[in-house]
Amino acid sequence: MTAATLPLPLQQSSAFARALTAFGAQVSCDDPVILNRHFGPLGRIGFTSRGPLNTDHMRDLRSDGLRVFNAEHDRPQIYKAAGFRQIITPAHMAQWDLSPSAKDRRTAMHPKWRNQLRKAEACNLRIREVAWDGAPHPLFTHADALAQRRRYKPLPTALLAIFASIAPNCALIFEAYDKGLLIAAILVLRHGPTATYQTAWTSAQGRICHAHNLLLSHSANRLATLGHKTFDLGLVETDHAAPLARFKLRTGAHVRKLGGTWIAFLGL
């Protein structure tokens, strides 16, 4: 894959829309990508995540069935004018700029994060890159078990596997081995000039070796060589997941405000 021209979030990429359709969802694949459900007398309820990107046609989208969206951009006046009302305040995400050189990115890291990276490098771990095709992989066994214990719902592994199968070389797994034993792994999804940090797992030994730091730094360098300009590290939640938020931001990533969740119903 060569980096495309438009910096789309994963949820608005054409490959993700195709994966959703193959997964069995009813999807409108225009701008934006809309998931559709029918709820009796309410009719078709359209939902979009990390969109709409083009806000010039909000009224048209609403009349065409868009009822709920998590906004990519913070443009409340435009959404209100189109008849939407905000129900959840904006979240924030970590966005890592990959345009500087690897040396400059390393310099921009928080000193503690960079020190952990040095310790990981001193462990002489073996890093392996896998172009995932959707086949079973230990990463998802561990990650799904962790999600169950912590009671959160990530994207279904089956959906990610479909994405990997229909978009060759766009789902990369980076593995860390210590003395032949897999101790950490991450999944990165590629879409245009952006890539998304999707799934991660680290064992107890991986935490001791700071393998996660090494994998994230290595994957950022690799993505930059593939032509990607930004690395979407996902949401930062300082209230409920402060350690993970610190880990993401100490890479040198910047916080970017999204637009909140909005809702509208015809006749109201």
Protein backbone atom coordinates (compact mmCIF):
# COMPACT_ATOMS: atom_id res chain seq x y z
CA MET A 1 0.00 0.00 0.00
CA THR A 2 1.19 3.51 -0.78
CA ALA A 3 0.09 6.36 1.47
CA ALA A 4 -2.98 8.00 0.00
CA THR A 5 -3.64 11.70 -0.04
CA LEU A 6 -6.42 12.06 2.53
CA PRO A 7 -5.65 11.68 6.28
CA LEU A 8 -8.72 9.63 7.22
CA PRO A 9 -9.26 8.08 10.66
CA LEU A 10 -9.54 4.30 10.55
CA GLN A 11 -13.32 4.37 11.01
CA GLN A 12 -13.73 6.51 7.87
CA SER A 13 -11.36 4.56 5.62
CA SER A 14 -12.66 2.59 2.65
CA ALA A 15 -10.92 -0.61 3.80
CA PHE A 16 -12.64 -0.44 7.18
CA ALA A 17 -16.00 0.17 5.46
CA ARG A 18 -15.46 -2.93 3.32
CA ALA A 19 -14.53 -4.93 6.43
CA LEU A 20 -17.70 -3.80 8.21
CA THR A 21 -19.81 -4.85 5.22
CA ALA A 22 -18.14 -8.27 5.08
CA PHE A 23 -18.69 -8.55 8.85
CA GLY A 24 -22.42 -8.24 8.23
CA ALA A 25 -23.07 -4.59 9.04
CA GLN A 26 -25.29 -2.39 6.87
CA VAL A 27 -22.94 0.36 5.76
CA SER A 28 -23.21 3.47 3.62
CA CYS A 29 -19.76 3.85 2.12
CA ASP A 30 -19.90 7.49 1.10
CA ASP A 31 -18.54 10.45 3.09
CA PRO A 32 -18.97 9.64 5.93
CA VAL A 33 -19.00 5.87 6.49
CA ILE A 34 -22.34 5.30 8.23
CA LEU A 35 -23.55 2.22 10.10
CA ASN A 36 -27.32 1.76 9.70
CA ARG A 37 -29.86 0.01 11.93
CA HIS A 38 -33.65 -0.08 11.67
CA PHE A 39 -35.66 0.48 14.85
CA GLY A 40 -39.38 0.01 14.12
CA PRO A 41 -41.30 3.31 13.97
CA LEU A 42 -38.08 5.27 14.37
CA GLY A 43 -36.97 4.00 10.99
CA ARG A 44 -33.35 3.92 9.93
CA ILE A 45 -30.88 5.18 12.52
CA GLY A 46 -27.48 6.03 11.08
CA PHE A 47 -24.35 6.23 13.22
CA THR A 48 -20.88 7.34 12.24
CA SER A 49 -17.65 7.32 14.24
CA ARG A 50 -14.83 9.86 13.83
CA GLY A 51 -16.85 11.80 11.24
CA PRO A 52 -18.33 13.54 9.36
CA LEU A 53 -15.15 14.95 7.86
CA ASN A 54 -16.94 17.24 5.42
CA THR A 55 -19.32 19.36 7.53
CA ASP A 56 -20.76 21.37 4.61
CA HIS A 57 -23.63 18.91 4.14
CA MET A 58 -24.76 18.23 7.71
CA ARG A 59 -28.44 18.99 6.97
CA ASP A 60 -28.40 16.61 3.99
CA LEU A 61 -26.84 13.87 6.14
CA ARG A 62 -29.47 14.35 8.81
CA SER A 63 -32.36 14.19 6.35
CA ASP A 64 -30.77 11.08 4.83
CA GLY A 65 -30.82 9.20 8.12
CA LEU A 66 -27.73 10.22 10.11
CA ARG A 67 -28.91 10.43 13.71
CA VAL A 68 -25.87 9.87 15.94
CA PHE A 69 -22.20 10.61 15.42
CA ASN A 70 -18.94 10.87 17.30
CA ALA A 71 -17.45 13.96 15.72
CA GLU A 72 -13.90 14.03 14.40
CA HIS A 73 -13.80 17.84 14.53
CA ASP A 74 -14.97 20.26 17.23
CA ARG A 75 -17.48 22.34 15.24
CA PRO A 76 -20.48 22.70 17.56
CA GLN A 77 -22.12 25.62 15.77
CA ILE A 78 -22.29 23.69 12.50
CA TYR A 79 -23.77 20.63 14.20
CA LYS A 80 -26.33 22.69 16.13
CA ALA A 81 -27.39 24.54 12.99
CA ALA A 82 -28.08 21.19 11.32
CA GLY A 83 -30.40 20.16 14.16
CA PHE A 84 -28.08 17.97 16.25
CA ARG A 85 -27.69 18.21 20.02
CA GLN A 86 -24.61 17.24 21.98
CA ILE A 87 -25.00 14.39 24.49
CA ILE A 88 -21.34 13.65 25.33
CA THR A 89 -18.54 16.19 25.62
CA PRO A 90 -15.46 15.89 23.37
CA ALA A 91 -12.89 13.20 24.01
CA HIS A 92 -9.18 13.63 23.29
CA MET A 93 -6.80 11.46 21.29
CA ALA A 94 -3.02 11.09 21.06
CA GLN A 95 -1.62 11.84 17.61
CA TRP A 96 2.06 11.15 16.93
CA ASP A 97 3.66 13.14 14.13
CA LEU A 98 5.90 10.85 12.07
CA SER A 99 7.24 13.55 9.75
CA PRO A 100 10.34 14.40 11.87
CA SER A 101 13.36 12.11 11.58
CA ALA A 102 13.69 9.09 13.87
CA LYS A 103 16.43 10.94 15.75
CA ASP A 104 14.21 13.99 16.30
CA ARG A 105 11.27 11.82 17.39
CA ARG A 106 13.50 10.16 19.95
CA THR A 107 14.70 13.53 21.23
CA ALA A 108 11.07 14.65 21.64
CA MET A 109 10.22 11.68 23.88
CA HIS A 110 9.68 12.26 27.59
CA PRO A 111 12.94 11.47 29.46
CA LYS A 112 11.30 8.63 31.42
CA TRP A 113 9.86 7.07 28.25
CA ARG A 114 13.21 7.39 26.46
CA ASN A 115 15.00 5.81 29.45
CA GLN A 116 12.59 2.86 29.37
CA LEU A 117 13.31 2.51 25.65
CA ARG A 118 17.05 2.37 26.38
CA LYS A 119 16.46 -0.37 28.97
CA ALA A 120 14.41 -2.33 26.44
CA GLU A 121 17.17 -2.02 23.86
CA ALA A 122 19.67 -3.32 26.43
CA CYS A 123 17.58 -6.49 26.87
CA ASN A 124 18.53 -7.60 23.33
CA LEU A 125 14.99 -8.56 22.43
CA ARG A 126 14.26 -9.86 18.96
CA ILE A 127 11.68 -7.83 17.04
CA ARG A 128 9.67 -9.53 14.31
CA GLU A 129 7.25 -7.90 11.88
CA VAL A 130 4.33 -9.94 10.55
CA ALA A 131 2.02 -8.88 7.71
CA TRP A 132 -1.11 -10.29 9.36
CA ASP A 133 -3.59 -11.95 7.00
CA GLY A 134 -6.30 -12.60 9.59
CA ALA A 135 -5.08 -16.02 10.74
CA PRO A 136 -5.24 -16.81 14.50
CA HIS A 137 -2.44 -15.16 16.47
CA PRO A 138 -1.54 -15.34 20.19
CA LEU A 139 -1.83 -11.55 20.48
CA PHE A 140 -5.62 -11.73 20.27
CA THR A 141 -5.95 -14.62 22.72
CA HIS A 142 -4.11 -12.55 25.33
CA ALA A 143 -5.75 -9.23 24.40
CA ASP A 144 -9.29 -10.66 24.46
CA ALA A 145 -8.68 -12.24 27.88
CA LEU A 146 -7.38 -8.91 29.19
CA ALA A 147 -10.44 -7.08 27.83
CA GLN A 148 -12.71 -9.55 29.62
CA ARG A 149 -10.90 -9.07 32.93
CA ARG A 150 -10.98 -5.28 32.66
CA ARG A 151 -14.55 -5.24 31.28
CA TYR A 152 -14.10 -3.18 28.17
CA LYS A 153 -15.13 -3.99 24.59
CA PRO A 154 -12.52 -3.56 21.86
CA LEU A 155 -13.28 -4.00 18.18
CA PRO A 156 -14.13 -7.68 17.57
CA THR A 157 -11.13 -9.76 16.60
CA ALA A 158 -13.22 -11.25 13.78
CA LEU A 159 -13.72 -7.77 12.30
CA LEU A 160 -9.99 -7.03 12.53
CA ALA A 161 -9.25 -10.35 10.84
CA ILE A 162 -11.56 -9.43 7.96
CA PHE A 163 -9.80 -6.08 7.60
CA ALA A 164 -6.46 -7.90 7.46
CA SER A 165 -7.69 -10.36 4.83
CA ILE A 166 -9.20 -7.77 2.47
CA ALA A 167 -6.41 -5.17 2.83
CA PRO A 168 -3.10 -7.03 2.28
CA ASN A 169 -0.09 -5.59 4.12
CA CYS A 170 -2.31 -3.08 5.94
CA ALA A 171 -2.42 -4.99 9.24
CA LEU A 172 1.04 -5.31 10.76
CA ILE A 173 1.83 -7.21 13.96
CA PHE A 174 5.09 -6.36 15.69
CA GLU A 175 6.33 -9.06 18.07
CA ALA A 176 9.00 -8.98 20.79
CA TYR A 177 10.83 -12.19 21.76
CA ASP A 178 13.06 -12.87 24.73
CA LYS A 179 15.14 -16.06 24.38
CA GLY A 180 12.64 -17.36 21.82
CA LEU A 181 9.57 -16.62 23.95
CA LEU A 182 6.93 -14.15 22.76
CA ILE A 183 6.62 -11.52 25.51
CA ALA A 184 4.75 -8.67 23.79
CA ALA A 185 2.98 -7.80 20.55
CA ILE A 186 1.05 -4.93 18.99
CA LEU A 187 -1.27 -4.64 15.98
CA VAL A 188 -1.07 -1.56 13.75
CA LEU A 189 -3.59 -0.87 10.98
CA ARG A 190 -2.52 1.17 7.95
CA HIS A 191 -4.93 3.45 6.07
CA GLY A 192 -3.68 6.23 3.82
CA PRO A 193 -1.10 8.58 5.38
CA THR A 194 -2.30 7.57 8.86
CA ALA A 195 -1.79 4.37 10.83
CA THR A 196 -3.71 3.31 13.94
CA TYR A 197 -2.35 1.64 17.07
CA GLN A 198 -5.10 -0.94 17.51
CA THR A 199 -4.33 -3.85 19.84
CA ALA A 200 -1.55 -4.54 22.33
CA TRP A 201 -0.47 -7.15 24.84
CA THR A 202 2.54 -7.38 27.14
CA SER A 203 3.49 -10.24 29.46
CA ALA A 204 5.02 -9.84 32.91
CA GLN A 205 8.48 -10.35 31.38
CA GLY A 206 7.57 -7.86 28.69
CA ARG A 207 6.79 -5.26 31.32
CA ILE A 208 10.10 -5.90 33.06
CA CYS A 209 11.93 -5.39 29.76
CA HIS A 210 9.73 -2.42 28.70
CA ALA A 211 9.04 -4.33 25.49
CA HIS A 212 5.99 -2.18 24.75
CA ASN A 213 8.19 0.92 24.45
CA LEU A 214 10.49 -0.87 22.05
CA LEU A 215 7.64 -2.15 19.88
CA LEU A 216 5.93 1.22 19.67
CA SER A 217 9.14 3.05 18.82
CA HIS A 218 10.10 0.40 16.25
CA SER A 219 6.66 0.47 14.64
CA ALA A 220 6.71 4.29 14.42
CA ASN A 221 10.05 4.16 12.61
CA ARG A 222 8.79 1.45 10.28
CA LEU A 223 5.58 3.35 9.48
CA ALA A 224 7.56 6.47 8.67
CA THR A 225 9.63 4.53 6.13
CA LEU A 226 6.36 3.28 4.57
CA GLY A 227 5.23 6.86 3.99
CA HIS A 228 2.84 7.40 6.89
CA LYS A 229 2.67 10.91 8.35
CA THR A 230 0.68 10.41 11.54
CA PHE A 231 0.29 7.60 14.07
CA ASP A 232 -3.12 7.53 15.77
CA LEU A 233 -2.51 6.18 19.29
CA GLY A 234 -6.19 6.30 20.24
CA LEU A 235 -8.09 8.02 23.02
CA VAL A 236 -6.41 9.39 26.13
CA GLU A 237 -8.47 9.07 29.30
CA THR A 238 -6.73 10.70 32.24
CA ASP A 239 -9.59 9.90 34.67
CA HIS A 240 -9.98 6.15 34.10
CA ALA A 241 -6.75 5.11 32.37
CA ALA A 242 -4.11 7.60 33.48
CA PRO A 243 -1.09 5.23 33.17
CA LEU A 244 -1.99 4.36 29.56
CA ALA A 245 -2.59 8.04 28.76
CA ARG A 246 0.87 8.92 30.12
CA PHE A 247 2.44 6.08 28.16
CA LYS A 248 0.95 7.35 24.89
CA LEU A 249 1.72 11.03 25.43
CA ARG A 250 5.28 10.47 26.59
CA THR A 251 6.14 9.15 23.13
CA GLY A 252 6.04 12.77 22.01
CA ALA A 253 2.49 12.49 20.68
CA HIS A 254 0.23 15.53 20.88
CA VAL A 255 -3.26 15.70 22.34
CA ARG A 256 -5.98 16.52 19.83
CA LYS A 257 -9.54 17.36 20.81
CA LEU A 258 -12.33 15.53 19.01
CA GLY A 259 -15.87 16.84 18.66
CA GLY A 260 -18.08 14.99 21.12
CA THR A 261 -21.17 12.85 20.50
CA TRP A 262 -24.24 14.36 18.83
CA ILE A 263 -27.78 13.13 18.26
CA ALA A 264 -30.86 14.18 16.26
CA PHE A 265 -34.28 12.75 15.49
CA LEU A 266 -36.65 13.89 12.79
CA GLY A 267 -39.50 15.98 14.14
CA LEU A 268 -37.69 16.95 17.34
